[in-house]
């Protein structure tokens, strides 16, 4: 049976963790002092020690996607940006790929072991089998619907590629041949989301509607948005539900794994109507949302309440993408060479 002192400690700790008036900078300090007072430092250290920090990149180009496994990772972006880290994202070193004339925008990168894939615009597909030391260009058909914007390595010689109009292809022979997974493209998409189990959500260019596709289906299924605000981005939660970010700083979740019933939309006052651009789960309860004008929102209760974070970093950029690789390591990508790292 829990002691009275233990119950008091748990109550005080939960109150501090949820108190909305504590700002980002002071929360770790207060948590640490409370942990010292209560004698529970070993249990508190991971909480107070981790925070967001700006990382200096050797480029002012906008990063677009990040891949990470252990301490090794790659970052791609505009102006043919290709950066590598071997220390968990603390420092990044540039790689130059000779593509001749032209200004390429590297959109997506993915690895399995030493084999890696990279796609970009104008239509570009690169492949490596030596861990990124050298890259080989693989020709793409002039009839390819759209430009490739997403690539996922699925196993030896196997990858899945999708384009900015929703064409999805898979190869099993190192990119020499590609098999179409959908009978027709969905149309120009402002955002294309792929879950770890291969499900897709595509947001229409103007955010008026969205479409979904799952492995085994032959075509995209179109859905009308469920409120008057246009859709910025969507994705899947860890438990299989769907989240939606709408213009004007609004977000909502489905009630179950389907798309029929939605919870009531939430528009956190701290966002001040600034548009949300991406959402990511740190764990089942901690959710982060990034947006325009350096907006970063955090929920510690599964999305019920929200507060604004990281104002003191003076980021000065729109924040486009959020990634978490485990609970204690995260990254946020933003315009003009902006990269934030979460960790100790």
C-alpha atoms as a PDB file:
ATOM      1  CA  UNK A   1       0.000   0.000   0.000  1.00  0.00           C
ATOM      2  CA  UNK A   2       1.348   3.444  -0.902  1.00  0.00           C
ATOM      3  CA  UNK A   3       2.535   5.581   2.018  1.00  0.00           C
ATOM      4  CA  UNK A   4       0.951   8.970   2.698  1.00  0.00           C
ATOM      5  CA  UNK A   5       4.287  10.706   1.982  1.00  0.00           C
ATOM      6  CA  UNK A   6       4.524   8.896  -1.332  1.00  0.00           C
ATOM      7  CA  UNK A   7       1.024  10.004  -2.303  1.00  0.00           C
ATOM      8  CA  UNK A   8       1.862  13.606  -1.375  1.00  0.00           C
ATOM      9  CA  UNK A   9       5.024  13.464  -3.491  1.00  0.00           C
ATOM     10  CA  UNK A  10       3.118  12.142  -6.490  1.00  0.00           C
ATOM     11  CA  UNK A  11       0.435  14.812  -6.096  1.00  0.00           C
ATOM     12  CA  UNK A  12       2.949  17.693  -5.874  1.00  0.00           C
ATOM     13  CA  UNK A  13       4.925  16.388  -8.815  1.00  0.00           C
ATOM     14  CA  UNK A  14       1.808  16.063 -11.003  1.00  0.00           C
ATOM     15  CA  UNK A  15       0.666  19.583 -10.099  1.00  0.00           C
ATOM     16  CA  UNK A  16       3.987  21.103 -11.144  1.00  0.00           C
ATOM     17  CA  UNK A  17       4.065  19.122 -14.366  1.00  0.00           C
ATOM     18  CA  UNK A  18       0.608  20.366 -15.377  1.00  0.00           C
ATOM     19  CA  UNK A  19       0.719  23.942 -14.113  1.00  0.00           C
ATOM     20  CA  UNK A  20       0.051  26.133 -17.135  1.00  0.00           C
ATOM     21  CA  UNK A  21       1.726  29.302 -15.817  1.00  0.00           C
ATOM     22  CA  UNK A  22       5.256  27.829 -15.661  1.00  0.00           C
ATOM     23  CA  UNK A  23       7.163  28.836 -18.760  1.00  0.00           C
ATOM     24  CA  UNK A  24       9.530  26.634 -20.753  1.00  0.00           C
ATOM     25  CA  UNK A  25      12.715  27.965 -19.122  1.00  0.00           C
ATOM     26  CA  UNK A  26      11.602  27.773 -15.502  1.00  0.00           C
ATOM     27  CA  UNK A  27       9.826  24.411 -15.622  1.00  0.00           C
ATOM     28  CA  UNK A  28      13.074  22.344 -15.638  1.00  0.00           C
ATOM     29  CA  UNK A  29      14.503  24.448 -12.802  1.00  0.00           C
ATOM     30  CA  UNK A  30      11.407  24.093 -10.633  1.00  0.00           C
ATOM     31  CA  UNK A  31      11.197  20.379 -11.407  1.00  0.00           C
ATOM     32  CA  UNK A  32      14.816  19.838 -10.397  1.00  0.00           C
ATOM     33  CA  UNK A  33      14.424  21.703  -7.099  1.00  0.00           C
ATOM     34  CA  UNK A  34      11.249  19.777  -6.355  1.00  0.00           C
ATOM     35  CA  UNK A  35      12.998  16.486  -7.125  1.00  0.00           C
ATOM     36  CA  UNK A  36      15.834  17.414  -4.742  1.00  0.00           C
ATOM     37  CA  UNK A  37      13.321  18.333  -2.018  1.00  0.00           C
ATOM     38  CA  UNK A  38      11.373  15.106  -2.471  1.00  0.00           C
ATOM     39  CA  UNK A  39      14.457  12.933  -2.856  1.00  0.00           C
ATOM     40  CA  UNK A  40      13.476  11.475  -6.225  1.00  0.00           C
ATOM     41  CA  UNK A  41      16.265  12.821  -8.460  1.00  0.00           C
ATOM     42  CA  UNK A  42      16.882   9.495 -10.285  1.00  0.00           C
ATOM     43  CA  UNK A  43      13.260   9.477 -11.458  1.00  0.00           C
ATOM     44  CA  UNK A  44      13.192  13.155 -12.468  1.00  0.00           C
ATOM     45  CA  UNK A  45      16.487  13.560 -14.299  1.00  0.00           C
ATOM     46  CA  UNK A  46      15.248  12.540 -17.782  1.00  0.00           C
ATOM     47  CA  UNK A  47      12.385  15.055 -17.482  1.00  0.00           C
ATOM     48  CA  UNK A  48      14.239  18.190 -16.395  1.00  0.00           C
ATOM     49  CA  UNK A  49      17.429  17.574 -18.364  1.00  0.00           C
ATOM     50  CA  UNK A  50      15.908  17.392 -21.863  1.00  0.00           C
ATOM     51  CA  UNK A  51      14.872  20.504 -23.808  1.00  0.00           C
ATOM     52  CA  UNK A  52      14.945  22.111 -27.235  1.00  0.00           C
ATOM     53  CA  UNK A  53      18.161  23.701 -28.482  1.00  0.00           C
ATOM     54  CA  UNK A  54      19.090  25.379 -31.747  1.00  0.00           C
ATOM     55  CA  UNK A  55      21.652  23.522 -33.852  1.00  0.00           C
ATOM     56  CA  UNK A  56      24.009  25.398 -36.157  1.00  0.00           C
ATOM     57  CA  UNK A  57      23.916  24.056 -39.710  1.00  0.00           C
ATOM     58  CA  UNK A  58      26.585  24.730 -42.364  1.00  0.00           C
ATOM     59  CA  UNK A  59      23.908  26.086 -44.724  1.00  0.00           C
ATOM     60  CA  UNK A  60      21.058  28.569 -44.865  1.00  0.00           C
ATOM     61  CA  UNK A  61      19.045  26.227 -47.087  1.00  0.00           C
ATOM     62  CA  UNK A  62      15.719  25.004 -45.726  1.00  0.00           C
ATOM     63  CA  UNK A  63      15.879  21.397 -44.410  1.00  0.00           C
ATOM     64  CA  UNK A  64      13.023  19.236 -45.668  1.00  0.00           C
ATOM     65  CA  UNK A  65      13.444  15.752 -44.206  1.00  0.00           C
ATOM     66  CA  UNK A  66      15.558  13.951 -41.634  1.00  0.00           C
ATOM     67  CA  UNK A  67      16.450  10.273 -41.252  1.00  0.00           C
ATOM     68  CA  UNK A  68      18.062   8.949 -38.080  1.00  0.00           C
ATOM     69  CA  UNK A  69      19.168   5.582 -36.717  1.00  0.00           C
ATOM     70  CA  UNK A  70      21.079   5.601 -33.471  1.00  0.00           C
ATOM     71  CA  UNK A  71      23.565   8.471 -33.571  1.00  0.00           C
ATOM     72  CA  UNK A  72      23.851   8.363 -37.362  1.00  0.00           C
ATOM     73  CA  UNK A  73      21.565  10.500 -39.486  1.00  0.00           C
ATOM     74  CA  UNK A  74      21.022  12.391 -42.730  1.00  0.00           C
ATOM     75  CA  UNK A  75      19.309  15.679 -43.489  1.00  0.00           C
ATOM     76  CA  UNK A  76      18.155  16.803 -46.947  1.00  0.00           C
ATOM     77  CA  UNK A  77      16.793  20.112 -48.174  1.00  0.00           C
ATOM     78  CA  UNK A  78      16.644  22.858 -50.767  1.00  0.00           C
ATOM     79  CA  UNK A  79      19.674  23.787 -52.902  1.00  0.00           C
ATOM     80  CA  UNK A  80      20.756  20.112 -53.086  1.00  0.00           C
ATOM     81  CA  UNK A  81      21.457  20.089 -49.342  1.00  0.00           C
ATOM     82  CA  UNK A  82      22.771  16.786 -47.984  1.00  0.00           C
ATOM     83  CA  UNK A  83      24.113  16.752 -44.416  1.00  0.00           C
ATOM     84  CA  UNK A  84      25.317  13.851 -42.249  1.00  0.00           C
ATOM     85  CA  UNK A  85      25.640  13.484 -38.483  1.00  0.00           C
ATOM     86  CA  UNK A  86      27.407  10.794 -36.466  1.00  0.00           C
ATOM     87  CA  UNK A  87      26.847  12.303 -33.005  1.00  0.00           C
ATOM     88  CA  UNK A  88      23.084  12.193 -32.673  1.00  0.00           C
ATOM     89  CA  UNK A  89      22.415  15.445 -34.519  1.00  0.00           C
ATOM     90  CA  UNK A  90      24.639  17.771 -32.482  1.00  0.00           C
ATOM     91  CA  UNK A  91      26.837  18.552 -35.488  1.00  0.00           C
ATOM     92  CA  UNK A  92      26.286  18.110 -39.239  1.00  0.00           C
ATOM     93  CA  UNK A  93      28.744  17.779 -42.104  1.00  0.00           C
ATOM     94  CA  UNK A  94      27.890  18.597 -45.754  1.00  0.00           C
ATOM     95  CA  UNK A  95      28.129  16.135 -48.642  1.00  0.00           C
ATOM     96  CA  UNK A  96      28.372  17.289 -52.238  1.00  0.00           C
ATOM     97  CA  UNK A  97      26.827  15.253 -55.054  1.00  0.00           C
ATOM     98  CA  UNK A  98      27.835  16.230 -58.579  1.00  0.00           C
ATOM     99  CA  UNK A  99      24.608  16.455 -60.568  1.00  0.00           C
ATOM    100  CA  UNK A 100      25.819  18.819 -63.251  1.00  0.00           C
ATOM    101  CA  UNK A 101      23.847  21.940 -64.009  1.00  0.00           C
ATOM    102  CA  UNK A 102      20.515  22.615 -62.368  1.00  0.00           C
ATOM    103  CA  UNK A 103      19.255  23.529 -58.930  1.00  0.00           C
ATOM    104  CA  UNK A 104      17.856  20.460 -57.185  1.00  0.00           C
ATOM    105  CA  UNK A 105      15.642  20.316 -54.145  1.00  0.00           C
ATOM    106  CA  UNK A 106      16.325  17.138 -52.147  1.00  0.00           C
ATOM    107  CA  UNK A 107      12.947  16.100 -50.727  1.00  0.00           C
ATOM    108  CA  UNK A 108      13.354  12.755 -48.969  1.00  0.00           C
ATOM    109  CA  UNK A 109      15.985  10.238 -47.831  1.00  0.00           C
ATOM    110  CA  UNK A 110      15.811   6.747 -46.310  1.00  0.00           C
ATOM    111  CA  UNK A 111      18.204   3.901 -45.434  1.00  0.00           C
ATOM    112  CA  UNK A 112      18.211   0.225 -44.532  1.00  0.00           C
ATOM    113  CA  UNK A 113      21.707  -0.647 -43.383  1.00  0.00           C
ATOM    114  CA  UNK A 114      24.221   0.616 -45.917  1.00  0.00           C
ATOM    115  CA  UNK A 115      21.650   0.929 -48.696  1.00  0.00           C
ATOM    116  CA  UNK A 116      20.053   4.335 -49.107  1.00  0.00           C
ATOM    117  CA  UNK A 117      17.670   6.215 -51.384  1.00  0.00           C
ATOM    118  CA  UNK A 118      17.222   9.927 -52.070  1.00  0.00           C
ATOM    119  CA  UNK A 119      14.595  11.693 -54.199  1.00  0.00           C
ATOM    120  CA  UNK A 120      14.103  15.280 -55.249  1.00  0.00           C
ATOM    121  CA  UNK A 121      12.894  17.875 -57.719  1.00  0.00           C
ATOM    122  CA  UNK A 122      13.138  18.168 -60.673  1.00  0.00           C
ATOM    123  CA  UNK A 123      12.551  14.412 -61.000  1.00  0.00           C
ATOM    124  CA  UNK A 124      15.566  12.842 -59.304  1.00  0.00           C
ATOM    125  CA  UNK A 125      16.343   9.419 -57.810  1.00  0.00           C
ATOM    126  CA  UNK A 126      19.691   8.553 -56.209  1.00  0.00           C
ATOM    127  CA  UNK A 127      20.857   5.256 -54.704  1.00  0.00           C
ATOM    128  CA  UNK A 128      23.803   4.263 -52.504  1.00  0.00           C
ATOM    129  CA  UNK A 129      25.002   0.889 -51.260  1.00  0.00           C
ATOM    130  CA  UNK A 130      28.007   2.120 -49.259  1.00  0.00           C
ATOM    131  CA  UNK A 131      26.332   4.113 -46.533  1.00  0.00           C
ATOM    132  CA  UNK A 132      26.191   7.355 -48.490  1.00  0.00           C
ATOM    133  CA  UNK A 133      29.851   7.610 -49.465  1.00  0.00           C
ATOM    134  CA  UNK A 134      28.910   7.496 -53.152  1.00  0.00           C
ATOM    135  CA  UNK A 135      25.571   7.985 -54.899  1.00  0.00           C
ATOM    136  CA  UNK A 136      24.387   6.670 -58.268  1.00  0.00           C
ATOM    137  CA  UNK A 137      21.670   8.379 -60.256  1.00  0.00           C
ATOM    138  CA  UNK A 138      18.850   6.128 -61.461  1.00  0.00           C
ATOM    139  CA  UNK A 139      16.906   7.306 -64.477  1.00  0.00           C
ATOM    140  CA  UNK A 140      13.185   8.013 -64.130  1.00  0.00           C
ATOM    141  CA  UNK A 141      10.671   7.775 -66.935  1.00  0.00           C
ATOM    142  CA  UNK A 142       9.596  11.043 -68.552  1.00  0.00           C
ATOM    143  CA  UNK A 143       6.052   9.691 -68.152  1.00  0.00           C
ATOM    144  CA  UNK A 144       6.319   9.579 -64.349  1.00  0.00           C
ATOM    145  CA  UNK A 145       3.215  11.352 -62.939  1.00  0.00           C
ATOM    146  CA  UNK A 146       4.659  14.261 -60.976  1.00  0.00           C
ATOM    147  CA  UNK A 147       7.993  14.614 -59.182  1.00  0.00           C
ATOM    148  CA  UNK A 148       9.099  12.234 -56.410  1.00  0.00           C
ATOM    149  CA  UNK A 149       8.759  13.751 -52.923  1.00  0.00           C
ATOM    150  CA  UNK A 150       8.839  10.721 -50.622  1.00  0.00           C
ATOM    151  CA  UNK A 151      11.015   7.598 -50.523  1.00  0.00           C
ATOM    152  CA  UNK A 152      11.102   4.770 -47.983  1.00  0.00           C
ATOM    153  CA  UNK A 153      13.669   1.973 -47.893  1.00  0.00           C
ATOM    154  CA  UNK A 154      11.829  -1.260 -47.131  1.00  0.00           C
ATOM    155  CA  UNK A 155      14.582  -3.882 -47.328  1.00  0.00           C
ATOM    156  CA  UNK A 156      17.445  -5.065 -49.542  1.00  0.00           C
ATOM    157  CA  UNK A 157      17.011  -3.596 -53.045  1.00  0.00           C
ATOM    158  CA  UNK A 158      13.449  -2.616 -52.116  1.00  0.00           C
ATOM    159  CA  UNK A 159      11.905   0.846 -51.753  1.00  0.00           C
ATOM    160  CA  UNK A 160       8.601   2.693 -52.067  1.00  0.00           C
ATOM    161  CA  UNK A 161       8.416   6.049 -53.857  1.00  0.00           C
ATOM    162  CA  UNK A 162       5.549   8.524 -54.124  1.00  0.00           C
ATOM    163  CA  UNK A 163       5.155  11.719 -56.109  1.00  0.00           C
ATOM    164  CA  UNK A 164       3.668  15.139 -55.451  1.00  0.00           C
ATOM    165  CA  UNK A 165       0.435  14.151 -57.197  1.00  0.00           C
ATOM    166  CA  UNK A 166      -0.021  10.897 -55.292  1.00  0.00           C
ATOM    167  CA  UNK A 167       1.429   8.275 -57.627  1.00  0.00           C
ATOM    168  CA  UNK A 168       2.915   5.411 -55.547  1.00  0.00           C
ATOM    169  CA  UNK A 169       5.476   2.902 -56.846  1.00  0.00           C
ATOM    170  CA  UNK A 170       7.535   0.051 -55.446  1.00  0.00           C
ATOM    171  CA  UNK A 171      10.780  -1.525 -56.648  1.00  0.00           C
ATOM    172  CA  UNK A 172      12.438  -4.794 -55.669  1.00  0.00           C
ATOM    173  CA  UNK A 173      15.457  -4.627 -57.973  1.00  0.00           C
ATOM    174  CA  UNK A 174      17.417  -1.537 -56.865  1.00  0.00           C
ATOM    175  CA  UNK A 175      15.225   0.873 -58.794  1.00  0.00           C
ATOM    176  CA  UNK A 176      15.538  -0.650 -62.239  1.00  0.00           C
ATOM    177  CA  UNK A 177      11.821  -1.396 -62.446  1.00  0.00           C
ATOM    178  CA  UNK A 178       8.882   0.127 -60.569  1.00  0.00           C
ATOM    179  CA  UNK A 179       5.388  -1.289 -60.023  1.00  0.00           C
ATOM    180  CA  UNK A 180       2.452   1.117 -59.640  1.00  0.00           C
ATOM    181  CA  UNK A 181       0.440   0.568 -56.449  1.00  0.00           C
ATOM    182  CA  UNK A 182      -2.470   2.858 -57.367  1.00  0.00           C
ATOM    183  CA  UNK A 183      -4.385   2.989 -60.629  1.00  0.00           C
ATOM    184  CA  UNK A 184      -4.307   6.782 -60.836  1.00  0.00           C
ATOM    185  CA  UNK A 185      -2.804   9.755 -59.037  1.00  0.00           C
ATOM    186  CA  UNK A 186      -4.820  11.847 -56.597  1.00  0.00           C
ATOM    187  CA  UNK A 187      -3.884  15.301 -57.889  1.00  0.00           C
ATOM    188  CA  UNK A 188      -1.495  17.958 -56.635  1.00  0.00           C
ATOM    189  CA  UNK A 189      -0.931  17.485 -52.909  1.00  0.00           C
ATOM    190  CA  UNK A 190       0.239  20.124 -50.428  1.00  0.00           C
ATOM    191  CA  UNK A 191       1.242  17.407 -47.959  1.00  0.00           C
ATOM    192  CA  UNK A 192       1.749  13.676 -48.287  1.00  0.00           C
ATOM    193  CA  UNK A 193       1.929  11.563 -45.121  1.00  0.00           C
ATOM    194  CA  UNK A 194       2.996   7.908 -44.936  1.00  0.00           C
ATOM    195  CA  UNK A 195       2.607   5.879 -41.750  1.00  0.00           C
ATOM    196  CA  UNK A 196       5.076   3.192 -40.699  1.00  0.00           C
ATOM    197  CA  UNK A 197       2.618   0.496 -41.840  1.00  0.00           C
ATOM    198  CA  UNK A 198       2.305   1.972 -45.338  1.00  0.00           C
ATOM    199  CA  UNK A 199      -0.942   3.962 -45.110  1.00  0.00           C
ATOM    200  CA  UNK A 200      -1.088   7.356 -46.831  1.00  0.00           C
ATOM    201  CA  UNK A 201      -2.972  10.606 -46.390  1.00  0.00           C
ATOM    202  CA  UNK A 202      -2.745  13.249 -49.126  1.00  0.00           C
ATOM    203  CA  UNK A 203      -3.952  16.822 -48.593  1.00  0.00           C
ATOM    204  CA  UNK A 204      -5.257  18.626 -51.684  1.00  0.00           C
ATOM    205  CA  UNK A 205      -3.331  21.675 -52.888  1.00  0.00           C
ATOM    206  CA  UNK A 206      -5.870  24.147 -51.485  1.00  0.00           C
ATOM    207  CA  UNK A 207      -6.752  22.099 -48.405  1.00  0.00           C
ATOM    208  CA  UNK A 208     -10.358  21.632 -49.490  1.00  0.00           C
ATOM    209  CA  UNK A 209     -10.320  17.843 -49.174  1.00  0.00           C
ATOM    210  CA  UNK A 210      -8.016  14.928 -48.405  1.00  0.00           C
ATOM    211  CA  UNK A 211      -7.549  11.397 -49.711  1.00  0.00           C
ATOM    212  CA  UNK A 212      -6.459   8.141 -48.092  1.00  0.00           C
ATOM    213  CA  UNK A 213      -4.866   4.939 -49.375  1.00  0.00           C
ATOM    214  CA  UNK A 214      -3.867   1.703 -47.648  1.00  0.00           C
ATOM    215  CA  UNK A 215      -1.843  -1.282 -48.919  1.00  0.00           C
ATOM    216  CA  UNK A 216      -4.024  -3.620 -50.934  1.00  0.00           C
ATOM    217  CA  UNK A 217      -6.347  -0.896 -52.223  1.00  0.00           C
ATOM    218  CA  UNK A 218      -6.244  -0.060 -55.926  1.00  0.00           C
ATOM    219  CA  UNK A 219      -7.215   3.611 -55.740  1.00  0.00           C
ATOM    220  CA  UNK A 220      -7.279   6.622 -53.430  1.00  0.00           C
ATOM    221  CA  UNK A 221     -10.445   7.347 -51.438  1.00  0.00           C
ATOM    222  CA  UNK A 222     -11.448  11.011 -51.331  1.00  0.00           C
ATOM    223  CA  UNK A 223     -12.913  12.647 -48.197  1.00  0.00           C
ATOM    224  CA  UNK A 224     -14.414  16.074 -47.656  1.00  0.00           C
ATOM    225  CA  UNK A 225     -13.059  18.083 -44.751  1.00  0.00           C
ATOM    226  CA  UNK A 226     -15.388  18.083 -41.755  1.00  0.00           C
ATOM    227  CA  UNK A 227     -15.369  21.826 -40.977  1.00  0.00           C
ATOM    228  CA  UNK A 228     -15.069  25.201 -42.703  1.00  0.00           C
ATOM    229  CA  UNK A 229     -11.331  25.632 -42.118  1.00  0.00           C
ATOM    230  CA  UNK A 230      -8.985  24.362 -44.797  1.00  0.00           C
ATOM    231  CA  UNK A 231      -6.656  21.480 -43.985  1.00  0.00           C
ATOM    232  CA  UNK A 232      -2.913  22.057 -43.588  1.00  0.00           C
ATOM    233  CA  UNK A 233      -1.727  18.605 -42.609  1.00  0.00           C
ATOM    234  CA  UNK A 234      -2.884  15.202 -41.355  1.00  0.00           C
ATOM    235  CA  UNK A 235      -1.425  11.999 -40.009  1.00  0.00           C
ATOM    236  CA  UNK A 236      -1.938   8.923 -37.825  1.00  0.00           C
ATOM    237  CA  UNK A 237      -1.691   8.716 -34.050  1.00  0.00           C
ATOM    238  CA  UNK A 238       0.178   5.846 -32.323  1.00  0.00           C
ATOM    239  CA  UNK A 239      -3.143   4.119 -31.584  1.00  0.00           C
ATOM    240  CA  UNK A 240      -4.341   4.291 -35.201  1.00  0.00           C
ATOM    241  CA  UNK A 241      -6.586   7.358 -35.042  1.00  0.00           C
ATOM    242  CA  UNK A 242      -6.155  10.373 -37.316  1.00  0.00           C
ATOM    243  CA  UNK A 243      -5.093  13.932 -36.445  1.00  0.00           C
ATOM    244  CA  UNK A 244      -5.891  16.994 -38.529  1.00  0.00           C
ATOM    245  CA  UNK A 245      -4.362  20.493 -38.495  1.00  0.00           C
ATOM    246  CA  UNK A 246      -6.532  23.268 -39.910  1.00  0.00           C
ATOM    247  CA  UNK A 247      -5.781  26.865 -40.774  1.00  0.00           C
ATOM    248  CA  UNK A 248      -6.164  29.420 -38.029  1.00  0.00           C
ATOM    249  CA  UNK A 249      -4.479  27.331 -35.339  1.00  0.00           C
ATOM    250  CA  UNK A 250      -7.048  24.558 -35.031  1.00  0.00           C
ATOM    251  CA  UNK A 251      -6.537  20.825 -34.514  1.00  0.00           C
ATOM    252  CA  UNK A 252      -8.701  17.772 -33.954  1.00  0.00           C
ATOM    253  CA  UNK A 253      -8.597  13.987 -33.685  1.00  0.00           C
ATOM    254  CA  UNK A 254     -10.879  11.176 -34.759  1.00  0.00           C
ATOM    255  CA  UNK A 255     -12.687   9.300 -32.003  1.00  0.00           C
ATOM    256  CA  UNK A 256     -11.709   5.875 -33.327  1.00  0.00           C
ATOM    257  CA  UNK A 257      -9.555   4.346 -36.047  1.00  0.00           C
ATOM    258  CA  UNK A 258     -11.952   5.357 -38.817  1.00  0.00           C
ATOM    259  CA  UNK A 259     -12.709   8.770 -40.327  1.00  0.00           C
ATOM    260  CA  UNK A 260     -16.429   8.910 -39.567  1.00  0.00           C
ATOM    261  CA  UNK A 261     -16.449  10.500 -36.101  1.00  0.00           C
ATOM    262  CA  UNK A 262     -14.295  13.409 -34.997  1.00  0.00           C
ATOM    263  CA  UNK A 263     -13.713  14.950 -31.596  1.00  0.00           C
ATOM    264  CA  UNK A 264     -14.550  18.616 -31.097  1.00  0.00           C
ATOM    265  CA  UNK A 265     -11.934  20.923 -32.748  1.00  0.00           C
ATOM    266  CA  UNK A 266      -9.454  22.609 -30.398  1.00  0.00           C
ATOM    267  CA  UNK A 267      -7.979  26.069 -31.002  1.00  0.00           C
ATOM    268  CA  UNK A 268      -5.455  26.793 -28.205  1.00  0.00           C
ATOM    269  CA  UNK A 269      -5.515  30.460 -27.187  1.00  0.00           C
ATOM    270  CA  UNK A 270      -1.716  30.545 -26.873  1.00  0.00           C
ATOM    271  CA  UNK A 271      -1.425  29.896 -30.621  1.00  0.00           C
ATOM    272  CA  UNK A 272      -3.143  33.234 -31.338  1.00  0.00           C
ATOM    273  CA  UNK A 273      -4.566  31.921 -34.592  1.00  0.00           C
ATOM    274  CA  UNK A 274      -1.168  31.100 -36.121  1.00  0.00           C
ATOM    275  CA  UNK A 275      -1.378  28.184 -38.540  1.00  0.00           C
ATOM    276  CA  UNK A 276      -0.259  24.708 -37.457  1.00  0.00           C
ATOM    277  CA  UNK A 277       1.993  22.875 -39.930  1.00  0.00           C
ATOM    278  CA  UNK A 278       3.014  19.563 -38.330  1.00  0.00           C
ATOM    279  CA  UNK A 279       2.311  17.317 -35.349  1.00  0.00           C
ATOM    280  CA  UNK A 280       4.358  14.552 -33.733  1.00  0.00           C
ATOM    281  CA  UNK A 281       4.032  12.260 -30.725  1.00  0.00           C
ATOM    282  CA  UNK A 282       6.898  12.100 -28.235  1.00  0.00           C
ATOM    283  CA  UNK A 283       5.023   9.371 -26.384  1.00  0.00           C
ATOM    284  CA  UNK A 284       1.350   8.526 -25.837  1.00  0.00           C
ATOM    285  CA  UNK A 285       0.697  11.646 -23.739  1.00  0.00           C
ATOM    286  CA  UNK A 286       3.261  14.194 -24.963  1.00  0.00           C
ATOM    287  CA  UNK A 287       2.324  15.758 -28.310  1.00  0.00           C
ATOM    288  CA  UNK A 288       4.103  18.601 -30.110  1.00  0.00           C
ATOM    289  CA  UNK A 289       2.711  20.898 -32.813  1.00  0.00           C
ATOM    290  CA  UNK A 290       4.818  23.279 -34.911  1.00  0.00           C
ATOM    291  CA  UNK A 291       3.687  26.157 -37.092  1.00  0.00           C
ATOM    292  CA  UNK A 292       4.348  29.555 -38.578  1.00  0.00           C
ATOM    293  CA  UNK A 293       6.127  32.395 -36.814  1.00  0.00           C
ATOM    294  CA  UNK A 294       8.243  30.068 -34.613  1.00  0.00           C
ATOM    295  CA  UNK A 295       5.114  28.530 -33.089  1.00  0.00           C
ATOM    296  CA  UNK A 296       5.707  25.436 -30.960  1.00  0.00           C
ATOM    297  CA  UNK A 297       2.871  23.990 -28.868  1.00  0.00           C
ATOM    298  CA  UNK A 298       3.085  21.144 -26.349  1.00  0.00           C
ATOM    299  CA  UNK A 299       0.471  18.928 -24.700  1.00  0.00           C
ATOM    300  CA  UNK A 300       1.272  16.605 -21.787  1.00  0.00           C
ATOM    301  CA  UNK A 301      -2.172  15.045 -21.548  1.00  0.00           C
ATOM    302  CA  UNK A 302      -2.781  13.546 -24.971  1.00  0.00           C
ATOM    303  CA  UNK A 303      -4.051  16.752 -26.574  1.00  0.00           C
ATOM    304  CA  UNK A 304      -6.574  17.926 -23.958  1.00  0.00           C
ATOM    305  CA  UNK A 305      -4.620  21.063 -22.954  1.00  0.00           C
ATOM    306  CA  UNK A 306      -1.844  22.972 -24.701  1.00  0.00           C
ATOM    307  CA  UNK A 307       0.811  25.575 -23.920  1.00  0.00           C
ATOM    308  CA  UNK A 308       3.328  27.453 -26.030  1.00  0.00           C
ATOM    309  CA  UNK A 309       7.017  26.515 -25.723  1.00  0.00           C
ATOM    310  CA  UNK A 310      10.528  27.639 -26.689  1.00  0.00           C
ATOM    311  CA  UNK A 311       9.731  31.359 -27.059  1.00  0.00           C
ATOM    312  CA  UNK A 312      13.025  32.227 -25.408  1.00  0.00           C
ATOM    313  CA  UNK A 313      14.991  30.555 -28.221  1.00  0.00           C
ATOM    314  CA  UNK A 314      14.083  33.452 -30.547  1.00  0.00           C
ATOM    315  CA  UNK A 315      13.887  31.081 -33.502  1.00  0.00           C
ATOM    316  CA  UNK A 316      12.558  33.613 -36.003  1.00  0.00           C
ATOM    317  CA  UNK A 317      11.397  31.060 -38.594  1.00  0.00           C
ATOM    318  CA  UNK A 318       8.404  29.008 -39.670  1.00  0.00           C
ATOM    319  CA  UNK A 319       8.650  25.458 -38.309  1.00  0.00           C
ATOM    320  CA  UNK A 320       7.638  22.812 -40.833  1.00  0.00           C
ATOM    321  CA  UNK A 321       8.434  19.287 -39.597  1.00  0.00           C
ATOM    322  CA  UNK A 322       8.751  17.495 -36.249  1.00  0.00           C
ATOM    323  CA  UNK A 323      10.458  14.141 -35.652  1.00  0.00           C
ATOM    324  CA  UNK A 324      10.918  11.989 -32.571  1.00  0.00           C
ATOM    325  CA  UNK A 325      13.267   9.005 -32.542  1.00  0.00           C
ATOM    326  CA  UNK A 326      12.358   7.649 -29.146  1.00  0.00           C
ATOM    327  CA  UNK A 327      11.160   9.734 -26.226  1.00  0.00           C
ATOM    328  CA  UNK A 328      14.481  11.460 -25.541  1.00  0.00           C
ATOM    329  CA  UNK A 329      15.511  12.568 -29.035  1.00  0.00           C
ATOM    330  CA  UNK A 330      13.593  14.869 -31.342  1.00  0.00           C
ATOM    331  CA  UNK A 331      14.152  17.368 -34.143  1.00  0.00           C
ATOM    332  CA  UNK A 332      12.236  20.250 -35.687  1.00  0.00           C
ATOM    333  CA  UNK A 333      12.975  21.542 -39.197  1.00  0.00           C
ATOM    334  CA  UNK A 334      12.329  25.152 -40.169  1.00  0.00           C
ATOM    335  CA  UNK A 335      12.973  27.664 -42.904  1.00  0.00           C
ATOM    336  CA  UNK A 336      16.344  29.237 -43.624  1.00  0.00           C
ATOM    337  CA  UNK A 337      18.582  26.525 -42.168  1.00  0.00           C
ATOM    338  CA  UNK A 338      16.648  26.187 -38.902  1.00  0.00           C
ATOM    339  CA  UNK A 339      17.108  22.986 -36.909  1.00  0.00           C
ATOM    340  CA  UNK A 340      16.053  22.384 -33.298  1.00  0.00           C
ATOM    341  CA  UNK A 341      17.203  19.331 -31.352  1.00  0.00           C
ATOM    342  CA  UNK A 342      15.459  17.856 -28.311  1.00  0.00           C
ATOM    343  CA  UNK A 343      17.562  15.931 -25.823  1.00  0.00           C
ATOM    344  CA  UNK A 344      20.174  16.171 -23.102  1.00  0.00           C
END
